[in-house]
Amino acid sequence: MNNSIKKITIVGGGSAGWLTAGILASEFKTQGDLAVEITLIESPDVPTVGVGEGTWPSMRQTLKKIGVSEADFLMECDATFKQASKFDNWINGTNDSYFHPFTLPSGFFETNIAEFWQQHSKQVSFADATTVQSHLCKNGLAPKQISTPEYAFACNYGYHLDAGKFSTFLQKHCCEKLGVKHILDHVVKINSHENGDIASVSSKLHGDIDGDLFIDCTGFKSLLLGEHYGVEFISQKHVLFNDTALAVHVPYPHENSPIASHTISTAQTSGWIWDIGLPSRRGVGHVYSSAHISDDEAEQQLRSYISPSLGKNQKLADIRKISINPGFRSKFWHKNCVAIGMSSGFIEPLEASALALIELSAKMVADQLPANRQVMDITAKRFNEKFSYRWQRIIEFLKLHYVLSSRQETYWQDNRCENSIPEHLNELIALWKYQTPYGYDTHHTEELFPAASFQYILYGMGFKTDLALRQKREDKKEIANKFFNDNIAHTHKLMNAMSSNRELLNKIKQYGLSKV
């Protein structure tokens, strides 16, 4: 078959389906001659899972690309600014904490400043010494001002958002502005060509819906890639143990309560609790290993975490239990079907990689959309190689958080067992004992977690790199010291200039943001 790829059928909505539709529809004409027809079929009664409500800074570029107003997005999706992740009690469980900011360390591309921070490590944390962002987060300050145009910033940022409202917002934009066709219906059957490609999907009310390329956004069900094609699922539970989450919405004590400018991740005996601040509420949840703690005990730890912030007359909403099967598919693009989102895999919400992976997947499909069926297998091979690498990289990065902890509960000791640590991660840790992470530790473009992210985690967790065997030239030290001093000056400047997250959002609600 050598048919041109003119019809793309997305099965499944939610963040995965609508982000994919938006990214594709913003790249290609969807009406008229030489158009690419994009149809999204969505079940009318499948709720959004919404395990994670955090994004990476890449979401700014994605929303801008598809033509969304940032002010409208912030208001309609109950969204706010995310500048970092803060890790509490991960080091040894004694009120310790550190930040993983979105801003790169000062002078990151000019010099590996981590090498020169080592001698100051007892006086100042790595994040505080090399970025403004950790200081802003500690004081609840925003990453931009009301005069800063949409998507521009003083400090790099992503978002916290309501996943359900986000899907609704994207659906409206894609259908009204980008020409995406939306069908609300149940898919009951998958029909194949003689060569094994998907020819069409049968729906209850709209009959058969055909396509040249089918995108599986059906979540954990993985209706097309998993159920229809039987593509193998590769479990990662032996590396990352967390398989259950308890999620709840927590009201603020007061209407104008501060909104955290970062995700708070607080370690527990057998997992960790996420805490995400939205304008109207907090999203809080406990993700844990069912092999190390009972559901009842995990719920008690979650309630203990929440109770100090609940007023006497406030009732807690129902706690939702979500099962997690940590792992990913052996391939993500098979024949004329590509899986995006949880249909391709899911690990856990630590470091909020899920939405970023959706963006990267949809972007590669849009950038590399095969002209015809004849070359599709070549594109599929490249896609599978790229995302197999990315999944392995995510697993290594998340595992690093657990490996470096010195907590003594069984769960944390098991995470440090040699047989649970990927071989490549062990090699990197061995190298990092004598050299700091930098450019040679990453191999691909568009790395989800650059070398700077590994630096923030390593040195936030108290890891020591022994650089005593050789010294850098004095002029290298002078360059590093200039960056340290520049960061101090920049910190003072922004600390005096920035308003709080809530103050900025209130101003945006009233005045909007400049488009230029």
Protein backbone atom coordinates (compact mmCIF):
# COMPACT_ATOMS: atom_id res chain seq x y z
CA MET A 1 0.00 0.00 0.00
CA ASN A 2 1.27 3.45 -0.94
CA ASN A 3 -1.69 5.61 0.11
CA SER A 4 -1.08 9.22 1.08
CA ILE A 5 -1.60 10.00 4.76
CA LYS A 6 -4.57 12.36 4.61
CA LYS A 7 -6.86 11.15 7.40
CA ILE A 8 -5.72 10.94 11.04
CA THR A 9 -8.12 9.35 13.49
CA ILE A 10 -7.46 9.86 17.20
CA VAL A 11 -9.24 7.39 19.50
CA GLY A 12 -9.61 8.83 23.00
CA GLY A 13 -9.80 12.34 24.39
CA GLY A 14 -8.41 13.71 27.64
CA SER A 15 -5.15 15.63 27.74
CA ALA A 16 -3.42 13.12 25.46
CA GLY A 17 -6.04 13.15 22.72
CA TRP A 18 -6.70 16.87 22.64
CA LEU A 19 -3.06 17.94 22.96
CA THR A 20 -2.23 15.60 20.08
CA ALA A 21 -5.11 16.95 18.01
CA GLY A 22 -4.06 20.53 18.69
CA ILE A 23 -0.40 19.99 17.85
CA LEU A 24 -1.25 18.19 14.60
CA ALA A 25 -3.97 20.65 13.56
CA SER A 26 -1.71 23.64 14.19
CA GLU A 27 0.85 22.16 11.80
CA PHE A 28 -1.34 21.13 8.84
CA LYS A 29 -4.27 22.56 6.92
CA THR A 30 -7.41 20.76 8.08
CA GLN A 31 -9.76 22.05 5.37
CA GLY A 32 -9.61 22.51 1.63
CA ASP A 33 -7.13 21.14 -0.91
CA LEU A 34 -4.15 19.15 0.38
CA ALA A 35 -5.63 19.18 3.87
CA VAL A 36 -5.08 16.60 6.60
CA GLU A 37 -8.41 15.58 8.10
CA ILE A 38 -8.17 15.10 11.87
CA THR A 39 -10.99 13.31 13.69
CA LEU A 40 -11.11 12.64 17.43
CA ILE A 41 -13.48 9.96 18.73
CA GLU A 42 -14.18 10.22 22.43
CA SER A 43 -16.31 8.09 24.69
CA PRO A 44 -19.02 10.26 26.29
CA ASP A 45 -18.66 8.70 29.75
CA VAL A 46 -14.96 8.01 30.40
CA PRO A 47 -13.66 10.46 33.04
CA THR A 48 -10.21 12.06 32.92
CA VAL A 49 -7.80 10.26 35.26
CA GLY A 50 -5.83 13.41 36.08
CA VAL A 51 -3.18 11.73 38.24
CA GLY A 52 -0.75 14.56 37.64
CA GLU A 53 -1.64 18.20 37.18
CA GLY A 54 1.87 19.53 36.62
CA THR A 55 3.56 20.44 33.33
CA TRP A 56 7.06 21.20 32.17
CA PRO A 57 8.00 24.59 30.60
CA SER A 58 7.57 22.98 27.18
CA MET A 59 3.81 23.46 27.65
CA ARG A 60 4.28 27.20 27.11
CA GLN A 61 5.66 26.61 23.63
CA THR A 62 2.94 24.05 22.91
CA LEU A 63 0.08 26.34 23.89
CA LYS A 64 1.62 29.24 21.97
CA LYS A 65 2.08 27.03 18.89
CA ILE A 66 -1.54 25.95 18.81
CA GLY A 67 -2.71 29.55 19.17
CA VAL A 68 -4.04 29.58 22.72
CA SER A 69 -4.23 32.78 24.75
CA GLU A 70 -2.21 32.25 27.93
CA ALA A 71 -4.55 34.45 29.96
CA ASP A 72 -7.59 32.49 28.76
CA PHE A 73 -5.82 29.21 29.53
CA LEU A 74 -4.91 30.32 33.06
CA MET A 75 -8.44 31.46 33.86
CA GLU A 76 -10.41 28.63 32.23
CA CYS A 77 -8.18 25.75 33.38
CA ASP A 78 -7.85 26.89 37.01
CA ALA A 79 -4.13 27.06 36.28
CA THR A 80 -1.20 28.71 37.97
CA PHE A 81 2.57 28.90 37.56
CA LYS A 82 4.95 26.08 38.40
CA GLN A 83 8.64 26.93 38.73
CA ALA A 84 10.12 23.88 40.42
CA SER A 85 9.62 20.73 42.46
CA LYS A 86 10.45 20.81 46.17
CA PHE A 87 11.44 17.58 47.88
CA ASP A 88 10.78 17.34 51.61
CA ASN A 89 12.17 14.53 53.80
CA TRP A 90 13.72 12.63 50.87
CA ILE A 91 17.30 12.77 52.15
CA ASN A 92 17.00 11.24 55.60
CA GLY A 93 13.49 12.12 56.76
CA THR A 94 14.50 14.75 59.33
CA ASN A 95 12.88 17.93 57.95
CA ASP A 96 15.36 18.10 55.06
CA SER A 97 14.42 19.71 51.75
CA TYR A 98 15.80 20.81 48.38
CA PHE A 99 14.57 22.24 45.06
CA HIS A 100 14.69 21.09 41.45
CA PRO A 101 14.09 24.41 39.60
CA PHE A 102 13.12 24.81 35.94
CA THR A 103 15.79 27.45 35.36
CA LEU A 104 19.24 26.17 34.38
CA PRO A 105 22.17 26.94 36.72
CA SER A 106 23.81 30.31 36.04
CA GLY A 107 26.23 30.15 33.12
CA PHE A 108 25.33 26.52 32.42
CA PHE A 109 26.40 26.67 28.77
CA GLU A 110 29.58 28.61 29.47
CA THR A 111 30.97 26.53 32.32
CA ASN A 112 30.04 23.55 34.48
CA ILE A 113 29.40 25.63 37.58
CA ALA A 114 28.70 22.55 39.71
CA GLU A 115 32.45 21.89 39.77
CA PHE A 116 33.08 25.22 41.51
CA TRP A 117 30.11 25.05 43.88
CA GLN A 118 31.58 22.03 45.68
CA GLN A 119 33.85 24.14 47.90
CA HIS A 120 30.83 26.22 49.00
CA SER A 121 28.46 23.29 49.56
CA LYS A 122 28.41 23.65 53.36
CA GLN A 123 27.44 27.32 53.14
CA VAL A 124 24.77 27.34 50.41
CA SER A 125 22.64 24.78 48.58
CA PHE A 126 23.33 24.14 44.92
CA ALA A 127 19.97 25.55 43.77
CA ASP A 128 20.29 28.68 45.94
CA ALA A 129 23.83 29.32 44.70
CA THR A 130 23.07 28.91 41.01
CA THR A 131 19.49 30.09 40.41
CA VAL A 132 17.02 32.76 41.45
CA GLN A 133 14.15 30.32 41.23
CA SER A 134 14.52 28.48 44.53
CA HIS A 135 14.46 31.84 46.32
CA LEU A 136 11.28 32.87 44.49
CA CYS A 137 9.62 29.58 45.37
CA LYS A 138 10.49 29.83 49.06
CA ASN A 139 8.76 33.19 49.14
CA GLY A 140 5.76 32.19 47.03
CA LEU A 141 6.65 34.63 44.25
CA ALA A 142 5.61 34.42 40.61
CA PRO A 143 8.00 33.94 37.64
CA LYS A 144 6.79 37.02 35.74
CA GLN A 145 5.06 40.37 36.14
CA ILE A 146 1.73 41.63 34.82
CA SER A 147 3.67 43.69 32.25
CA THR A 148 5.47 40.58 30.94
CA PRO A 149 3.87 39.41 27.65
CA GLU A 150 2.12 36.07 27.30
CA TYR A 151 4.51 33.11 27.48
CA ALA A 152 7.51 35.36 28.23
CA PHE A 153 9.14 35.17 31.66
CA ALA A 154 11.68 36.43 34.15
CA CYS A 155 12.20 32.84 35.35
CA ASN A 156 11.37 29.73 33.34
CA TYR A 157 8.04 28.14 34.26
CA GLY A 158 5.43 25.52 33.49
CA TYR A 159 1.96 25.20 34.96
CA HIS A 160 -0.23 23.50 37.52
CA LEU A 161 -3.70 22.89 36.06
CA ASP A 162 -7.03 21.13 36.40
CA ALA A 163 -6.78 18.18 33.97
CA GLY A 164 -10.53 17.95 33.34
CA LYS A 165 -10.90 21.67 32.61
CA PHE A 166 -7.77 21.53 30.44
CA SER A 167 -9.27 18.83 28.21
CA THR A 168 -12.51 20.81 27.82
CA PHE A 169 -10.56 23.97 27.01
CA LEU A 170 -8.45 22.22 24.36
CA GLN A 171 -11.50 20.52 22.86
CA LYS A 172 -13.23 23.86 22.31
CA HIS A 173 -10.12 25.45 20.82
CA CYS A 174 -9.32 22.51 18.51
CA CYS A 175 -12.86 22.26 17.17
CA GLU A 176 -13.63 25.98 16.83
CA LYS A 177 -10.22 27.31 15.76
CA LEU A 178 -8.27 24.43 14.21
CA GLY A 179 -10.86 22.42 12.31
CA VAL A 180 -10.69 19.17 14.29
CA LYS A 181 -13.76 16.97 13.89
CA HIS A 182 -15.12 15.68 17.22
CA ILE A 183 -17.24 12.53 17.56
CA LEU A 184 -18.75 11.52 20.90
CA ASP A 185 -19.30 7.78 20.67
CA HIS A 186 -18.19 4.37 21.87
CA VAL A 187 -15.71 2.36 19.78
CA VAL A 188 -16.99 -1.23 19.70
CA LYS A 189 -14.81 -2.88 17.05
CA ILE A 190 -11.53 -2.46 15.19
CA ASN A 191 -11.46 -3.44 11.51
CA SER A 192 -8.30 -4.43 9.65
CA HIS A 193 -6.92 -4.34 6.13
CA GLU A 194 -5.48 -7.54 4.69
CA ASN A 195 -1.95 -6.37 5.58
CA GLY A 196 -2.90 -5.98 9.26
CA ASP A 197 -3.23 -2.18 9.25
CA ILE A 198 -6.27 -0.71 10.94
CA ALA A 199 -8.83 0.18 8.25
CA SER A 200 -11.48 1.68 10.50
CA VAL A 201 -13.07 1.59 13.93
CA SER A 202 -16.75 0.82 14.36
CA SER A 203 -18.77 3.04 16.67
CA LYS A 204 -22.21 2.56 18.20
CA LEU A 205 -23.90 5.59 16.65
CA HIS A 206 -21.68 6.77 13.78
CA GLY A 207 -20.83 3.50 12.07
CA ASP A 208 -17.34 2.84 10.71
CA ILE A 209 -14.80 5.66 10.94
CA ASP A 210 -11.77 5.15 8.71
CA GLY A 211 -8.28 6.65 8.70
CA ASP A 212 -4.80 6.40 7.25
CA LEU A 213 -3.11 6.80 10.64
CA PHE A 214 -4.72 5.91 13.97
CA ILE A 215 -3.53 7.43 17.23
CA ASP A 216 -4.31 5.51 20.42
CA CYS A 217 -5.09 7.89 23.29
CA THR A 218 -7.31 5.46 25.21
CA GLY A 219 -5.30 5.64 28.45
CA PHE A 220 -4.45 2.57 30.50
CA LYS A 221 -6.84 0.50 28.35
CA SER A 222 -4.60 0.91 25.28
CA LEU A 223 -7.45 -0.25 23.07
CA LEU A 224 -5.58 -0.19 19.76
CA LEU A 225 -1.89 -0.83 20.49
CA GLY A 226 -2.37 -3.03 23.55
CA GLU A 227 -5.66 -4.88 23.11
CA HIS A 228 -5.94 -5.03 19.32
CA TYR A 229 -2.29 -5.50 18.36
CA GLY A 230 -1.14 -7.15 21.58
CA VAL A 231 2.08 -5.12 21.73
CA GLU A 232 4.00 -6.29 24.80
CA PHE A 233 3.89 -4.25 28.00
CA ILE A 234 7.26 -4.09 29.76
CA SER A 235 6.75 -3.80 33.51
CA GLN A 236 9.13 -1.60 35.49
CA LYS A 237 7.81 -2.52 38.93
CA HIS A 238 11.13 -4.17 39.77
CA VAL A 239 12.78 -0.73 39.39
CA LEU A 240 10.09 1.72 40.52
CA PHE A 241 7.83 0.08 43.09
CA ASN A 242 4.91 2.51 43.35
CA ASP A 243 1.71 0.94 42.01
CA THR A 244 -1.12 2.77 43.81
CA ALA A 245 -2.20 6.37 44.34
CA LEU A 246 -4.79 7.98 46.57
CA ALA A 247 -5.86 11.39 45.25
CA VAL A 248 -8.00 14.10 46.84
CA HIS A 249 -8.98 17.75 46.35
CA VAL A 250 -8.19 19.93 49.37
CA PRO A 251 -9.83 23.35 49.88
CA TYR A 252 -7.83 26.38 50.97
CA PRO A 253 -8.49 27.70 54.49
CA HIS A 254 -9.15 31.17 53.05
CA GLU A 255 -10.10 32.64 49.67
CA ASN A 256 -6.77 34.45 49.39
CA SER A 257 -4.55 31.70 50.80
CA PRO A 258 -1.06 31.66 49.20
CA ILE A 259 -0.55 29.45 46.14
CA ALA A 260 2.72 27.53 46.12
CA SER A 261 4.90 28.30 43.10
CA HIS A 262 6.16 24.71 42.96
CA THR A 263 5.04 21.12 43.39
CA ILE A 264 5.71 19.84 46.90
CA SER A 265 6.77 16.18 47.11
CA THR A 266 6.96 14.89 50.68
CA ALA A 267 8.49 11.48 51.31
CA GLN A 268 6.57 8.96 53.42
CA THR A 269 7.49 5.54 54.82
CA SER A 270 6.59 3.71 51.59
CA GLY A 271 6.14 6.39 48.94
CA TRP A 272 5.53 10.12 48.78
CA ILE A 273 2.76 12.73 48.81
CA TRP A 274 2.30 15.30 46.05
CA ASP A 275 0.82 18.72 46.80
CA ILE A 276 -0.15 20.97 43.88
CA GLY A 277 -1.61 24.43 44.36
CA LEU A 278 -4.33 25.64 41.98
CA PRO A 279 -6.17 28.96 42.41
CA SER A 280 -9.35 27.32 43.75
CA ARG A 281 -7.93 24.30 45.60
CA ARG A 282 -4.96 22.01 46.14
CA GLY A 283 -4.55 18.66 44.45
CA VAL A 284 -2.98 16.25 46.95
CA GLY A 285 -2.23 12.56 46.67
CA HIS A 286 -0.20 9.72 48.12
CA VAL A 287 1.60 7.42 45.67
CA TYR A 288 3.03 4.27 47.24
CA SER A 289 4.02 0.63 46.92
CA SER A 290 1.23 -1.76 47.93
CA ALA A 291 3.91 -4.35 48.67
CA HIS A 292 5.27 -2.15 51.48
CA ILE A 293 2.17 -0.55 53.01
CA SER A 294 -1.58 -1.28 53.26
CA ASP A 295 -4.16 0.99 51.65
CA ASP A 296 -5.56 1.87 55.08
CA GLU A 297 -2.18 2.92 56.45
CA ALA A 298 -1.40 4.87 53.26
CA GLU A 299 -4.72 6.70 53.60
CA GLN A 300 -3.95 7.50 57.23
CA GLN A 301 -0.61 9.04 56.23
CA LEU A 302 -2.41 11.11 53.59
CA ARG A 303 -5.03 12.31 56.09
CA SER A 304 -2.31 13.16 58.61
CA TYR A 305 -0.59 15.28 55.98
CA ILE A 306 -3.80 17.12 55.06
CA SER A 307 -5.39 17.62 58.49
CA PRO A 308 -3.32 20.65 59.65
CA SER A 309 -4.57 22.73 56.71
CA LEU A 310 -8.27 21.85 57.07
CA GLY A 311 -10.49 24.19 59.05
CA LYS A 312 -12.87 22.86 61.69
CA ASN A 313 -15.95 23.03 59.47
CA GLN A 314 -14.36 21.91 56.20
CA LYS A 315 -15.10 18.46 54.89
CA LEU A 316 -12.62 16.56 52.81
CA ALA A 317 -13.83 15.34 49.42
CA ASP A 318 -13.82 11.65 48.65
CA ILE A 319 -10.40 10.06 48.24
CA ARG A 320 -9.96 8.37 44.86
CA LYS A 321 -7.88 5.22 44.55
CA ILE A 322 -5.92 4.83 41.30
CA SER A 323 -4.04 1.70 40.34
CA ILE A 324 -0.74 2.17 38.53
CA ASN A 325 0.95 -0.51 36.42
CA PRO A 326 4.43 1.00 36.05
CA GLY A 327 5.93 0.30 32.65
CA PHE A 328 5.74 0.98 28.91
CA ARG A 329 5.10 -0.80 25.61
CA SER A 330 7.89 -2.59 23.77
CA LYS A 331 7.11 -0.30 20.85
CA PHE A 332 4.83 2.70 20.47
CA TRP A 333 4.21 2.79 16.73
CA HIS A 334 3.08 -0.45 15.09
CA LYS A 335 1.82 -0.60 11.50
CA ASN A 336 -0.46 2.45 11.11
CA CYS A 337 -1.11 2.91 14.81
CA VAL A 338 0.85 5.06 17.28
CA ALA A 339 0.12 5.25 21.02
CA ILE A 340 0.40 8.58 22.85
CA GLY A 341 -0.15 9.14 26.56
CA MET A 342 -0.93 6.40 29.06
CA SER A 343 -1.76 3.96 26.25
CA SER A 344 2.00 3.89 25.58
CA GLY A 345 2.99 3.60 29.25
CA PHE A 346 3.00 5.27 32.65
CA ILE A 347 5.35 5.24 35.60
CA GLU A 348 4.33 7.57 38.40
CA PRO A 349 3.70 11.32 38.75
CA LEU A 350 7.12 12.12 40.24
CA GLU A 351 8.65 15.00 38.20
CA ALA A 352 5.49 15.29 36.06
CA SER A 353 6.80 13.60 32.94
CA ALA A 354 3.42 12.40 31.59
CA LEU A 355 2.21 15.58 29.85
CA ALA A 356 5.70 16.38 28.58
CA LEU A 357 5.88 12.94 26.92
CA ILE A 358 2.53 13.59 25.25
CA GLU A 359 3.86 16.88 23.87
CA LEU A 360 7.07 15.28 22.59
CA SER A 361 5.20 12.35 21.02
CA ALA A 362 2.64 14.51 19.23
CA LYS A 363 5.33 16.93 18.10
CA MET A 364 7.38 14.14 16.51
CA VAL A 365 4.30 12.75 14.76
CA ALA A 366 3.56 16.23 13.42
CA ASP A 367 7.16 16.94 12.40
CA GLN A 368 7.74 13.49 10.87
CA LEU A 369 4.26 12.68 9.54
CA PRO A 370 4.96 10.18 6.75
CA ALA A 371 3.87 11.23 3.29
CA ASN A 372 2.47 7.79 2.52
CA ARG A 373 2.13 4.26 3.86
CA GLN A 374 5.27 3.10 2.04
CA VAL A 375 7.58 5.15 4.26
CA MET A 376 5.53 4.90 7.46
CA ASP A 377 7.49 1.92 8.79
CA ILE A 378 10.72 3.95 8.59
CA THR A 379 9.14 6.75 10.60
CA ALA A 380 7.75 4.20 13.07
CA LYS A 381 11.22 2.71 13.57
CA ARG A 382 12.71 6.13 14.32
CA PHE A 383 9.83 6.96 16.66
CA ASN A 384 10.22 3.69 18.56
CA GLU A 385 13.96 4.15 18.97
CA LYS A 386 13.53 7.73 20.20
CA PHE A 387 10.84 6.94 22.76
CA SER A 388 12.40 3.72 23.99
CA TYR A 389 15.40 5.86 24.91
CA ARG A 390 13.19 8.49 26.53
CA TRP A 391 11.36 5.97 28.68
CA GLN A 392 14.64 4.48 29.89
CA ARG A 393 15.92 7.96 30.66
CA ILE A 394 12.82 8.84 32.68
CA ILE A 395 13.09 5.62 34.69
CA GLU A 396 16.75 6.29 35.47
CA PHE A 397 16.04 9.86 36.50
CA LEU A 398 13.15 8.95 38.79
CA LYS A 399 15.06 6.05 40.31
CA LEU A 400 17.94 8.40 41.14
CA HIS A 401 15.71 10.18 43.69
CA TYR A 402 15.20 6.92 45.58
CA VAL A 403 18.73 5.54 45.26
CA LEU A 404 20.31 8.61 46.87
CA SER A 405 18.04 8.63 49.93
CA SER A 406 19.42 7.43 53.26
CA ARG A 407 16.00 6.82 54.84
CA GLN A 408 15.93 3.52 56.69
CA GLU A 409 12.39 2.21 56.17
CA THR A 410 12.22 -1.10 54.28
CA TYR A 411 10.79 0.56 51.18
CA TRP A 412 13.74 2.92 50.92
CA GLN A 413 16.28 0.19 51.64
CA ASP A 414 14.72 -1.98 48.92
CA ASN A 415 15.03 0.93 46.48
CA ARG A 416 18.78 0.94 47.12
CA CYS A 417 19.17 -2.80 46.40
CA GLU A 418 21.58 -3.38 43.54
CA ASN A 419 19.17 -5.57 41.57
CA SER A 420 16.58 -2.76 41.39
CA ILE A 421 18.96 -0.15 39.92
CA PRO A 422 19.34 0.01 36.10
CA GLU A 423 22.87 -0.81 34.96
CA HIS A 424 23.30 2.47 33.08
CA LEU A 425 22.27 4.49 36.14
CA ASN A 426 24.81 2.61 38.24
CA GLU A 427 27.48 3.51 35.69
CA LEU A 428 26.53 7.18 35.82
CA ILE A 429 26.58 7.26 39.63
CA ALA A 430 30.04 5.68 39.55
CA LEU A 431 31.22 8.42 37.16
CA TRP A 432 29.61 11.18 39.18
CA LYS A 433 31.69 10.27 42.21
CA TYR A 434 34.60 11.88 40.36
CA GLN A 435 33.04 14.20 37.79
CA THR A 436 29.89 16.28 37.81
CA PRO A 437 27.03 15.66 35.33
CA TYR A 438 27.33 17.70 32.16
CA GLY A 439 26.84 17.59 28.40
CA TYR A 440 28.29 14.15 27.72
CA ASP A 441 25.75 12.53 30.04
CA THR A 442 22.90 13.31 27.63
CA HIS A 443 22.83 12.06 24.05
CA HIS A 444 19.67 13.27 22.29
CA THR A 445 18.10 16.57 21.33
CA GLU A 446 15.04 17.60 23.34
CA GLU A 447 16.15 15.72 26.45
CA LEU A 448 13.29 15.61 28.93
CA PHE A 449 15.77 15.85 31.80
CA PRO A 450 18.98 17.68 30.84
CA ALA A 451 22.26 17.32 32.74
CA ALA A 452 21.23 20.28 34.93
CA SER A 453 18.30 18.26 36.30
CA PHE A 454 20.66 15.50 37.38
CA GLN A 455 22.86 18.12 39.07
CA TYR A 456 19.92 19.52 41.04
CA ILE A 457 18.89 16.07 42.29
CA LEU A 458 22.41 14.81 43.04
CA TYR A 459 23.55 17.83 44.98
CA GLY A 460 20.17 18.54 46.51
CA MET A 461 20.29 15.02 47.98
CA GLY A 462 23.78 15.62 49.39
CA PHE A 463 25.78 13.58 46.86
CA LYS A 464 29.54 14.22 46.97
CA THR A 465 31.75 14.45 43.89
CA ASP A 466 35.47 14.17 44.62
CA LEU A 467 37.30 16.68 42.43
CA ALA A 468 40.46 16.82 44.56
CA LEU A 469 42.67 14.93 42.11
CA ARG A 470 42.88 17.88 39.73
CA GLN A 471 42.19 21.60 39.83
CA LYS A 472 40.77 23.95 37.19
CA ARG A 473 42.71 26.98 36.00
CA GLU A 474 42.30 30.18 38.02
CA ASP A 475 40.58 31.96 35.15
CA LYS A 476 37.92 29.21 35.14
CA LYS A 477 37.29 29.87 38.84
CA GLU A 478 36.98 33.59 38.14
CA ILE A 479 34.32 32.94 35.50
CA ALA A 480 32.39 30.71 37.92
CA ASN A 481 32.63 33.29 40.71
CA LYS A 482 31.22 35.92 38.39
CA PHE A 483 28.20 33.72 37.74
CA PHE A 484 27.75 33.13 41.48
CA ASN A 485 27.85 36.88 42.13
CA ASP A 486 25.56 37.66 39.19
CA ASN A 487 23.04 35.20 40.63
CA ILE A 488 23.11 36.97 44.00
CA ALA A 489 22.47 40.34 42.35
CA HIS A 490 19.73 38.93 40.12
CA THR A 491 18.08 37.31 43.13
CA HIS A 492 17.93 40.60 45.04
CA LYS A 493 16.47 42.34 41.99
CA LEU A 494 13.68 39.82 41.35
CA MET A 495 12.82 39.31 45.00
CA ASN A 496 11.96 43.01 45.17
CA ALA A 497 10.11 43.06 41.85
CA MET A 498 7.85 39.99 41.85
CA SER A 499 4.37 39.70 43.31
CA SER A 500 2.93 36.50 44.73
CA ASN A 501 1.37 33.84 42.53
CA ARG A 502 -2.14 34.73 43.68
CA GLU A 503 -1.58 38.48 43.27
CA LEU A 504 -0.38 38.00 39.71
CA LEU A 505 -3.30 35.72 38.81
CA ASN A 506 -5.76 38.24 40.22
CA LYS A 507 -4.17 40.94 38.04
CA ILE A 508 -4.31 38.70 34.96
CA LYS A 509 -8.00 38.03 35.65
CA GLN A 510 -8.61 41.78 35.74
CA TYR A 511 -6.26 43.08 33.03
CA GLY A 512 -5.16 40.09 30.93
CA LEU A 513 -1.63 39.78 29.50
CA SER A 514 0.06 41.60 26.64
CA LYS A 515 0.30 39.58 23.41
CA VAL A 516 3.62 41.19 22.41
